């Protein structure tokens, strides 16, 4: 089941992940949620943050920088 959750998170774009994080924050800030539900949402949010960080790291590694000779190399 953990693999299904990881696969679902990897399928989300960064924008979709950010939207979900915003929804989670709004729900948590609302205060009309049980402690157990708050903890579950917190865990989902942290998993989304981790997924976003991994995606951003992957993109940063692909960024090309032009060197002095006009050639390109990876960031």
PDB file of N, CA and C in Angstrom:
ATOM      1  N   UNK A   1       0.822  -1.197   0.000  1.00  0.00           N
ATOM      2  CA  UNK A   1       0.000   0.000   0.000  1.00  0.00           C
ATOM      3  C   UNK A   1       0.862   1.256   0.000  1.00  0.00           C
ATOM      4  N   UNK A   2       2.014   1.204   0.657  1.00  0.00           N
ATOM      5  CA  UNK A   2       2.906   2.362   0.667  1.00  0.00           C
ATOM      6  C   UNK A   2       3.386   2.668  -0.740  1.00  0.00           C
ATOM      7  N   UNK A   3       3.612   1.640  -1.544  1.00  0.00           N
ATOM      8  CA  UNK A   3       4.050   1.866  -2.920  1.00  0.00           C
ATOM      9  C   UNK A   3       2.981   2.559  -3.734  1.00  0.00           C
ATOM     10  N   UNK A   4       1.710   2.250  -3.484  1.00  0.00           N
ATOM     11  CA  UNK A   4       0.618   2.916  -4.184  1.00  0.00           C
ATOM     12  C   UNK A   4       0.600   4.403  -3.856  1.00  0.00           C
ATOM     13  N   UNK A   5       0.814   4.740  -2.577  1.00  0.00           N
ATOM     14  CA  UNK A   5       0.829   6.143  -2.173  1.00  0.00           C
ATOM     15  C   UNK A   5       2.011   6.861  -2.793  1.00  0.00           C
ATOM     16  N   UNK A   6       3.179   6.217  -2.791  1.00  0.00           N
ATOM     17  CA  UNK A   6       4.362   6.841  -3.380  1.00  0.00           C
ATOM     18  C   UNK A   6       4.159   7.053  -4.874  1.00  0.00           C
ATOM     19  N   UNK A   7       3.584   6.064  -5.558  1.00  0.00           N
ATOM     20  CA  UNK A   7       3.342   6.182  -6.989  1.00  0.00           C
ATOM     21  C   UNK A   7       2.355   7.300  -7.266  1.00  0.00           C
ATOM     22  N   UNK A   8       1.311   7.414  -6.463  1.00  0.00           N
ATOM     23  CA  UNK A   8       0.318   8.470  -6.656  1.00  0.00           C
ATOM     24  C   UNK A   8       0.952   9.839  -6.470  1.00  0.00           C
ATOM     25  N   UNK A   9       1.848   9.983  -5.482  1.00  0.00           N
ATOM     26  CA  UNK A   9       2.492  11.267  -5.249  1.00  0.00           C
ATOM     27  C   UNK A   9       3.447  11.614  -6.377  1.00  0.00           C
ATOM     28  N   UNK A  10       4.127  10.615  -6.943  1.00  0.00           N
ATOM     29  CA  UNK A  10       5.054  10.878  -8.025  1.00  0.00           C
ATOM     30  C   UNK A  10       4.322  11.286  -9.290  1.00  0.00           C
ATOM     31  N   UNK A  11       3.076  10.866  -9.444  1.00  0.00           N
ATOM     32  CA  UNK A  11       2.307  11.218 -10.620  1.00  0.00           C
ATOM     33  C   UNK A  11       1.819  12.662 -10.586  1.00  0.00           C
ATOM     34  N   UNK A  12       1.778  13.265  -9.414  1.00  0.00           N
ATOM     35  CA  UNK A  12       1.338  14.651  -9.296  1.00  0.00           C
ATOM     36  C   UNK A  12       2.416  15.585  -9.819  1.00  0.00           C
ATOM     37  N   UNK A  13       1.990  16.653 -10.467  1.00  0.00           N
ATOM     38  CA  UNK A  13       2.942  17.684 -10.852  1.00  0.00           C
ATOM     39  C   UNK A  13       3.278  18.504  -9.619  1.00  0.00           C
ATOM     40  N   UNK A  14       4.304  19.320  -9.723  1.00  0.00           N
ATOM     41  CA  UNK A  14       4.640  20.197  -8.604  1.00  0.00           C
ATOM     42  C   UNK A  14       3.476  21.110  -8.253  1.00  0.00           C
ATOM     43  N   UNK A  15       2.825  21.624  -9.272  1.00  0.00           N
ATOM     44  CA  UNK A  15       1.699  22.528  -9.031  1.00  0.00           C
ATOM     45  C   UNK A  15       0.570  21.821  -8.309  1.00  0.00           C
ATOM     46  N   UNK A  16       0.286  20.575  -8.719  1.00  0.00           N
ATOM     47  CA  UNK A  16      -0.769  19.809  -8.053  1.00  0.00           C
ATOM     48  C   UNK A  16      -0.383  19.506  -6.601  1.00  0.00           C
ATOM     49  N   UNK A  17       0.881  19.190  -6.396  1.00  0.00           N
ATOM     50  CA  UNK A  17       1.360  18.928  -5.033  1.00  0.00           C
ATOM     51  C   UNK A  17       1.232  20.169  -4.167  1.00  0.00           C
ATOM     52  N   UNK A  18       1.607  21.325  -4.720  1.00  0.00           N
ATOM     53  CA  UNK A  18       1.490  22.578  -3.973  1.00  0.00           C
ATOM     54  C   UNK A  18       0.035  22.881  -3.648  1.00  0.00           C
ATOM     55  N   UNK A  19      -0.868  22.606  -4.600  1.00  0.00           N
ATOM     56  CA  UNK A  19      -2.298  22.817  -4.355  1.00  0.00           C
ATOM     57  C   UNK A  19      -2.790  21.919  -3.221  1.00  0.00           C
ATOM     58  N   UNK A  20      -2.355  20.673  -3.226  1.00  0.00           N
ATOM     59  CA  UNK A  20      -2.764  19.751  -2.161  1.00  0.00           C
ATOM     60  C   UNK A  20      -2.201  20.190  -0.819  1.00  0.00           C
ATOM     61  N   UNK A  21      -0.955  20.658  -0.820  1.00  0.00           N
ATOM     62  CA  UNK A  21      -0.367  21.159   0.424  1.00  0.00           C
ATOM     63  C   UNK A  21      -1.159  22.356   0.950  1.00  0.00           C
ATOM     64  N   UNK A  22      -1.568  23.227   0.051  1.00  0.00           N
ATOM     65  CA  UNK A  22      -2.363  24.387   0.463  1.00  0.00           C
ATOM     66  C   UNK A  22      -3.702  23.958   1.054  1.00  0.00           C
ATOM     67  N   UNK A  23      -4.327  22.946   0.450  1.00  0.00           N
ATOM     68  CA  UNK A  23      -5.585  22.426   0.980  1.00  0.00           C
ATOM     69  C   UNK A  23      -5.383  21.840   2.381  1.00  0.00           C
ATOM     70  N   UNK A  24      -4.297  21.112   2.554  1.00  0.00           N
ATOM     71  CA  UNK A  24      -4.001  20.523   3.860  1.00  0.00           C
ATOM     72  C   UNK A  24      -3.794  21.617   4.893  1.00  0.00           C
ATOM     73  N   UNK A  25      -3.028  22.643   4.536  1.00  0.00           N
ATOM     74  CA  UNK A  25      -2.790  23.749   5.464  1.00  0.00           C
ATOM     75  C   UNK A  25      -4.089  24.445   5.851  1.00  0.00           C
ATOM     76  N   UNK A  26      -4.941  24.673   4.873  1.00  0.00           N
ATOM     77  CA  UNK A  26      -6.222  25.323   5.146  1.00  0.00           C
ATOM     78  C   UNK A  26      -7.050  24.498   6.113  1.00  0.00           C
ATOM     79  N   UNK A  27      -7.085  23.189   5.896  1.00  0.00           N
ATOM     80  CA  UNK A  27      -7.838  22.303   6.783  1.00  0.00           C
ATOM     81  C   UNK A  27      -7.256  22.309   8.188  1.00  0.00           C
ATOM     82  N   UNK A  28      -5.928  22.255   8.290  1.00  0.00           N
ATOM     83  CA  UNK A  28      -5.288  22.252   9.602  1.00  0.00           C
ATOM     84  C   UNK A  28      -5.498  23.576  10.334  1.00  0.00           C
ATOM     85  N   UNK A  29      -5.465  24.673   9.596  1.00  0.00           N
ATOM     86  CA  UNK A  29      -5.644  25.989  10.213  1.00  0.00           C
ATOM     87  C   UNK A  29      -7.079  26.236  10.635  1.00  0.00           C
ATOM     88  N   UNK A  30      -8.009  25.530  10.013  1.00  0.00           N
ATOM     89  CA  UNK A  30      -9.420  25.697  10.315  1.00  0.00           C
ATOM     90  C   UNK A  30      -9.723  25.349  11.777  1.00  0.00           C
ATOM     91  N   UNK A  31      -9.041  24.352  12.310  1.00  0.00           N
ATOM     92  CA  UNK A  31      -9.233  23.982  13.705  1.00  0.00           C
ATOM     93  C   UNK A  31     -10.438  23.106  13.968  1.00  0.00           C
ATOM     94  N   UNK A  32     -11.212  22.789  12.966  1.00  0.00           N
ATOM     95  CA  UNK A  32     -12.415  21.966  13.126  1.00  0.00           C
ATOM     96  C   UNK A  32     -12.115  20.515  12.772  1.00  0.00           C
ATOM     97  N   UNK A  33     -10.965  20.020  13.205  1.00  0.00           N
ATOM     98  CA  UNK A  33     -10.529  18.687  12.835  1.00  0.00           C
ATOM     99  C   UNK A  33      -9.986  17.995  14.083  1.00  0.00           C
ATOM    100  N   UNK A  34     -10.185  16.690  14.154  1.00  0.00           N
ATOM    101  CA  UNK A  34      -9.713  15.944  15.325  1.00  0.00           C
ATOM    102  C   UNK A  34      -8.188  15.852  15.317  1.00  0.00           C
ATOM    103  N   UNK A  35      -7.646  15.525  16.459  1.00  0.00           N
ATOM    104  CA  UNK A  35      -6.200  15.382  16.585  1.00  0.00           C
ATOM    105  C   UNK A  35      -5.686  14.267  15.682  1.00  0.00           C
ATOM    106  N   UNK A  36      -6.409  13.165  15.627  1.00  0.00           N
ATOM    107  CA  UNK A  36      -6.002  12.042  14.784  1.00  0.00           C
ATOM    108  C   UNK A  36      -5.995  12.440  13.310  1.00  0.00           C
ATOM    109  N   UNK A  37      -7.035  13.140  12.881  1.00  0.00           N
ATOM    110  CA  UNK A  37      -7.109  13.588  11.496  1.00  0.00           C
ATOM    111  C   UNK A  37      -6.016  14.625  11.195  1.00  0.00           C
ATOM    112  N   UNK A  38      -5.745  15.474  12.170  1.00  0.00           N
ATOM    113  CA  UNK A  38      -4.673  16.466  12.000  1.00  0.00           C
ATOM    114  C   UNK A  38      -3.338  15.781  11.790  1.00  0.00           C
ATOM    115  N   UNK A  39      -3.080  14.749  12.579  1.00  0.00           N
ATOM    116  CA  UNK A  39      -1.824  14.021  12.455  1.00  0.00           C
ATOM    117  C   UNK A  39      -1.735  13.319  11.106  1.00  0.00           C
ATOM    118  N   UNK A  40      -2.838  12.725  10.656  1.00  0.00           N
ATOM    119  CA  UNK A  40      -2.852  12.055   9.353  1.00  0.00           C
ATOM    120  C   UNK A  40      -2.589  13.055   8.234  1.00  0.00           C
ATOM    121  N   UNK A  41      -3.207  14.231   8.308  1.00  0.00           N
ATOM    122  CA  UNK A  41      -2.972  15.265   7.301  1.00  0.00           C
ATOM    123  C   UNK A  41      -1.534  15.771   7.342  1.00  0.00           C
ATOM    124  N   UNK A  42      -1.000  15.897   8.541  1.00  0.00           N
ATOM    125  CA  UNK A  42       0.391  16.313   8.703  1.00  0.00           C
ATOM    126  C   UNK A  42       1.319  15.317   8.007  1.00  0.00           C
ATOM    127  N   UNK A  43       1.072  14.033   8.206  1.00  0.00           N
ATOM    128  CA  UNK A  43       1.899  13.009   7.562  1.00  0.00           C
ATOM    129  C   UNK A  43       1.789  13.078   6.043  1.00  0.00           C
ATOM    130  N   UNK A  44       0.575  13.278   5.529  1.00  0.00           N
ATOM    131  CA  UNK A  44       0.389  13.401   4.085  1.00  0.00           C
ATOM    132  C   UNK A  44       1.126  14.631   3.559  1.00  0.00           C
ATOM    133  N   UNK A  45       1.037  15.705   4.306  1.00  0.00           N
ATOM    134  CA  UNK A  45       1.721  16.935   3.907  1.00  0.00           C
ATOM    135  C   UNK A  45       3.228  16.758   3.870  1.00  0.00           C
ATOM    136  N   UNK A  46       3.766  16.093   4.875  1.00  0.00           N
ATOM    137  CA  UNK A  46       5.218  15.869   4.907  1.00  0.00           C
ATOM    138  C   UNK A  46       5.653  14.964   3.762  1.00  0.00           C
ATOM    139  N   UNK A  47       4.837  13.980   3.405  1.00  0.00           N
ATOM    140  CA  UNK A  47       5.151  13.120   2.270  1.00  0.00           C
ATOM    141  C   UNK A  47       5.134  13.932   0.974  1.00  0.00           C
ATOM    142  N   UNK A  48       4.180  14.860   0.856  1.00  0.00           N
ATOM    143  CA  UNK A  48       4.128  15.724  -0.324  1.00  0.00           C
ATOM    144  C   UNK A  48       5.340  16.642  -0.390  1.00  0.00           C
ATOM    145  N   UNK A  49       5.747  17.188   0.746  1.00  0.00           N
ATOM    146  CA  UNK A  49       6.929  18.053   0.787  1.00  0.00           C
ATOM    147  C   UNK A  49       8.161  17.272   0.344  1.00  0.00           C
ATOM    148  N   UNK A  50       8.289  16.056   0.836  1.00  0.00           N
ATOM    149  CA  UNK A  50       9.424  15.214   0.443  1.00  0.00           C
ATOM    150  C   UNK A  50       9.403  14.963  -1.063  1.00  0.00           C
ATOM    151  N   UNK A  51       8.238  14.646  -1.588  1.00  0.00           N
ATOM    152  CA  UNK A  51       8.091  14.397  -3.017  1.00  0.00           C
ATOM    153  C   UNK A  51       8.452  15.642  -3.832  1.00  0.00           C
ATOM    154  N   UNK A  52       7.994  16.793  -3.376  1.00  0.00           N
ATOM    155  CA  UNK A  52       8.308  18.050  -4.065  1.00  0.00           C
ATOM    156  C   UNK A  52       9.812  18.316  -4.053  1.00  0.00           C
ATOM    157  N   UNK A  53      10.439  18.105  -2.906  1.00  0.00           N
ATOM    158  CA  UNK A  53      11.882  18.316  -2.806  1.00  0.00           C
ATOM    159  C   UNK A  53      12.641  17.411  -3.762  1.00  0.00           C
ATOM    160  N   UNK A  54      12.217  16.162  -3.871  1.00  0.00           N
ATOM    161  CA  UNK A  54      12.876  15.223  -4.781  1.00  0.00           C
ATOM    162  C   UNK A  54      12.715  15.666  -6.227  1.00  0.00           C
ATOM    163  N   UNK A  55      11.522  16.131  -6.579  1.00  0.00           N
ATOM    164  CA  UNK A  55      11.280  16.595  -7.951  1.00  0.00           C
ATOM    165  C   UNK A  55      12.104  17.833  -8.259  1.00  0.00           C
ATOM    166  N   UNK A  56      12.169  18.754  -7.312  1.00  0.00           N
ATOM    167  CA  UNK A  56      12.947  19.979  -7.514  1.00  0.00           C
ATOM    168  C   UNK A  56      14.436  19.643  -7.640  1.00  0.00           C
ATOM    169  N   UNK A  57      14.914  18.733  -6.815  1.00  0.00           N
ATOM    170  CA  UNK A  57      16.318  18.309  -6.908  1.00  0.00           C
ATOM    171  C   UNK A  57      16.616  17.700  -8.266  1.00  0.00           C
ATOM    172  N   UNK A  58      15.702  16.880  -8.769  1.00  0.00           N
ATOM    173  CA  UNK A  58      15.898  16.252 -10.080  1.00  0.00           C
ATOM    174  C   UNK A  58      15.958  17.301 -11.184  1.00  0.00           C
ATOM    175  N   UNK A  59      15.094  18.307 -11.101  1.00  0.00           N
ATOM    176  CA  UNK A  59      15.084  19.366 -12.108  1.00  0.00           C
ATOM    177  C   UNK A  59      16.371  20.183 -12.026  1.00  0.00           C
ATOM    178  N   UNK A  60      16.817  20.494 -10.813  1.00  0.00           N
ATOM    179  CA  UNK A  60      18.047  21.271 -10.649  1.00  0.00           C
ATOM    180  C   UNK A  60      19.236  20.561 -11.262  1.00  0.00           C
ATOM    181  N   UNK A  61      19.262  19.247 -11.175  1.00  0.00           N
ATOM    182  CA  UNK A  61      20.367  18.486 -11.741  1.00  0.00           C
ATOM    183  C   UNK A  61      20.353  18.515 -13.260  1.00  0.00           C
ATOM    184  N   UNK A  62      19.200  18.773 -13.850  1.00  0.00           N
ATOM    185  CA  UNK A  62      19.071  18.792 -15.305  1.00  0.00           C
ATOM    186  C   UNK A  62      19.314  20.174 -15.906  1.00  0.00           C
ATOM    187  N   UNK A  63      19.346  21.183 -15.065  1.00  0.00           N
ATOM    188  CA  UNK A  63      19.535  22.543 -15.570  1.00  0.00           C
ATOM    189  C   UNK A  63      20.924  22.658 -16.178  1.00  0.00           C
ATOM    190  N   UNK A  64      20.980  23.230 -17.329  1.00  0.00           N
ATOM    191  CA  UNK A  64      22.255  23.412 -18.011  1.00  0.00           C
ATOM    192  C   UNK A  64      22.740  24.838 -17.835  1.00  0.00           C
ATOM    193  N   UNK A  65      24.033  24.963 -17.634  1.00  0.00           N
ATOM    194  CA  UNK A  65      24.640  26.278 -17.471  1.00  0.00           C
ATOM    195  C   UNK A  65      25.624  26.482 -18.611  1.00  0.00           C
ATOM    196  N   UNK A  66      25.561  27.659 -19.218  1.00  0.00           N
ATOM    197  CA  UNK A  66      26.487  27.958 -20.296  1.00  0.00           C
ATOM    198  C   UNK A  66      27.817  28.378 -19.681  1.00  0.00           C
ATOM    199  N   UNK A  67      28.898  27.739 -20.139  1.00  0.00           N
ATOM    200  CA  UNK A  67      30.212  28.099 -19.625  1.00  0.00           C
ATOM    201  C   UNK A  67      30.832  29.206 -20.477  1.00  0.00           C
ATOM    202  N   UNK A  68      32.027  29.619 -20.143  1.00  0.00           N
ATOM    203  CA  UNK A  68      32.681  30.748 -20.810  1.00  0.00           C
ATOM    204  C   UNK A  68      32.898  30.515 -22.299  1.00  0.00           C
ATOM    205  N   UNK A  69      33.086  29.270 -22.711  1.00  0.00           N
ATOM    206  CA  UNK A  69      33.349  28.947 -24.117  1.00  0.00           C
ATOM    207  C   UNK A  69      32.071  28.808 -24.934  1.00  0.00           C
ATOM    208  N   UNK A  70      30.924  29.025 -24.319  1.00  0.00           N
ATOM    209  CA  UNK A  70      29.657  28.881 -25.026  1.00  0.00           C
ATOM    210  C   UNK A  70      29.108  27.461 -24.983  1.00  0.00           C
ATOM    211  N   UNK A  71      29.856  26.568 -24.367  1.00  0.00           N
ATOM    212  CA  UNK A  71      29.386  25.194 -24.219  1.00  0.00           C
ATOM    213  C   UNK A  71      28.434  25.094 -23.048  1.00  0.00           C
ATOM    214  N   UNK A  72      27.784  23.977 -22.971  1.00  0.00           N
ATOM    215  CA  UNK A  72      26.825  23.768 -21.892  1.00  0.00           C
ATOM    216  C   UNK A  72      27.299  22.639 -20.978  1.00  0.00           C
ATOM    217  N   UNK A  73      27.060  22.794 -19.714  1.00  0.00           N
ATOM    218  CA  UNK A  73      27.308  21.721 -18.769  1.00  0.00           C
ATOM    219  C   UNK A  73      26.191  21.716 -17.735  1.00  0.00           C
ATOM    220  N   UNK A  74      26.017  20.554 -17.097  1.00  0.00           N
ATOM    221  CA  UNK A  74      24.920  20.426 -16.146  1.00  0.00           C
ATOM    222  C   UNK A  74      25.228  21.179 -14.871  1.00  0.00           C
ATOM    223  N   UNK A  75      24.188  21.669 -14.258  1.00  0.00           N
ATOM    224  CA  UNK A  75      24.263  22.424 -13.016  1.00  0.00           C
ATOM    225  C   UNK A  75      24.656  21.539 -11.893  1.00  0.00           C
TER     226      UNK A  75
END
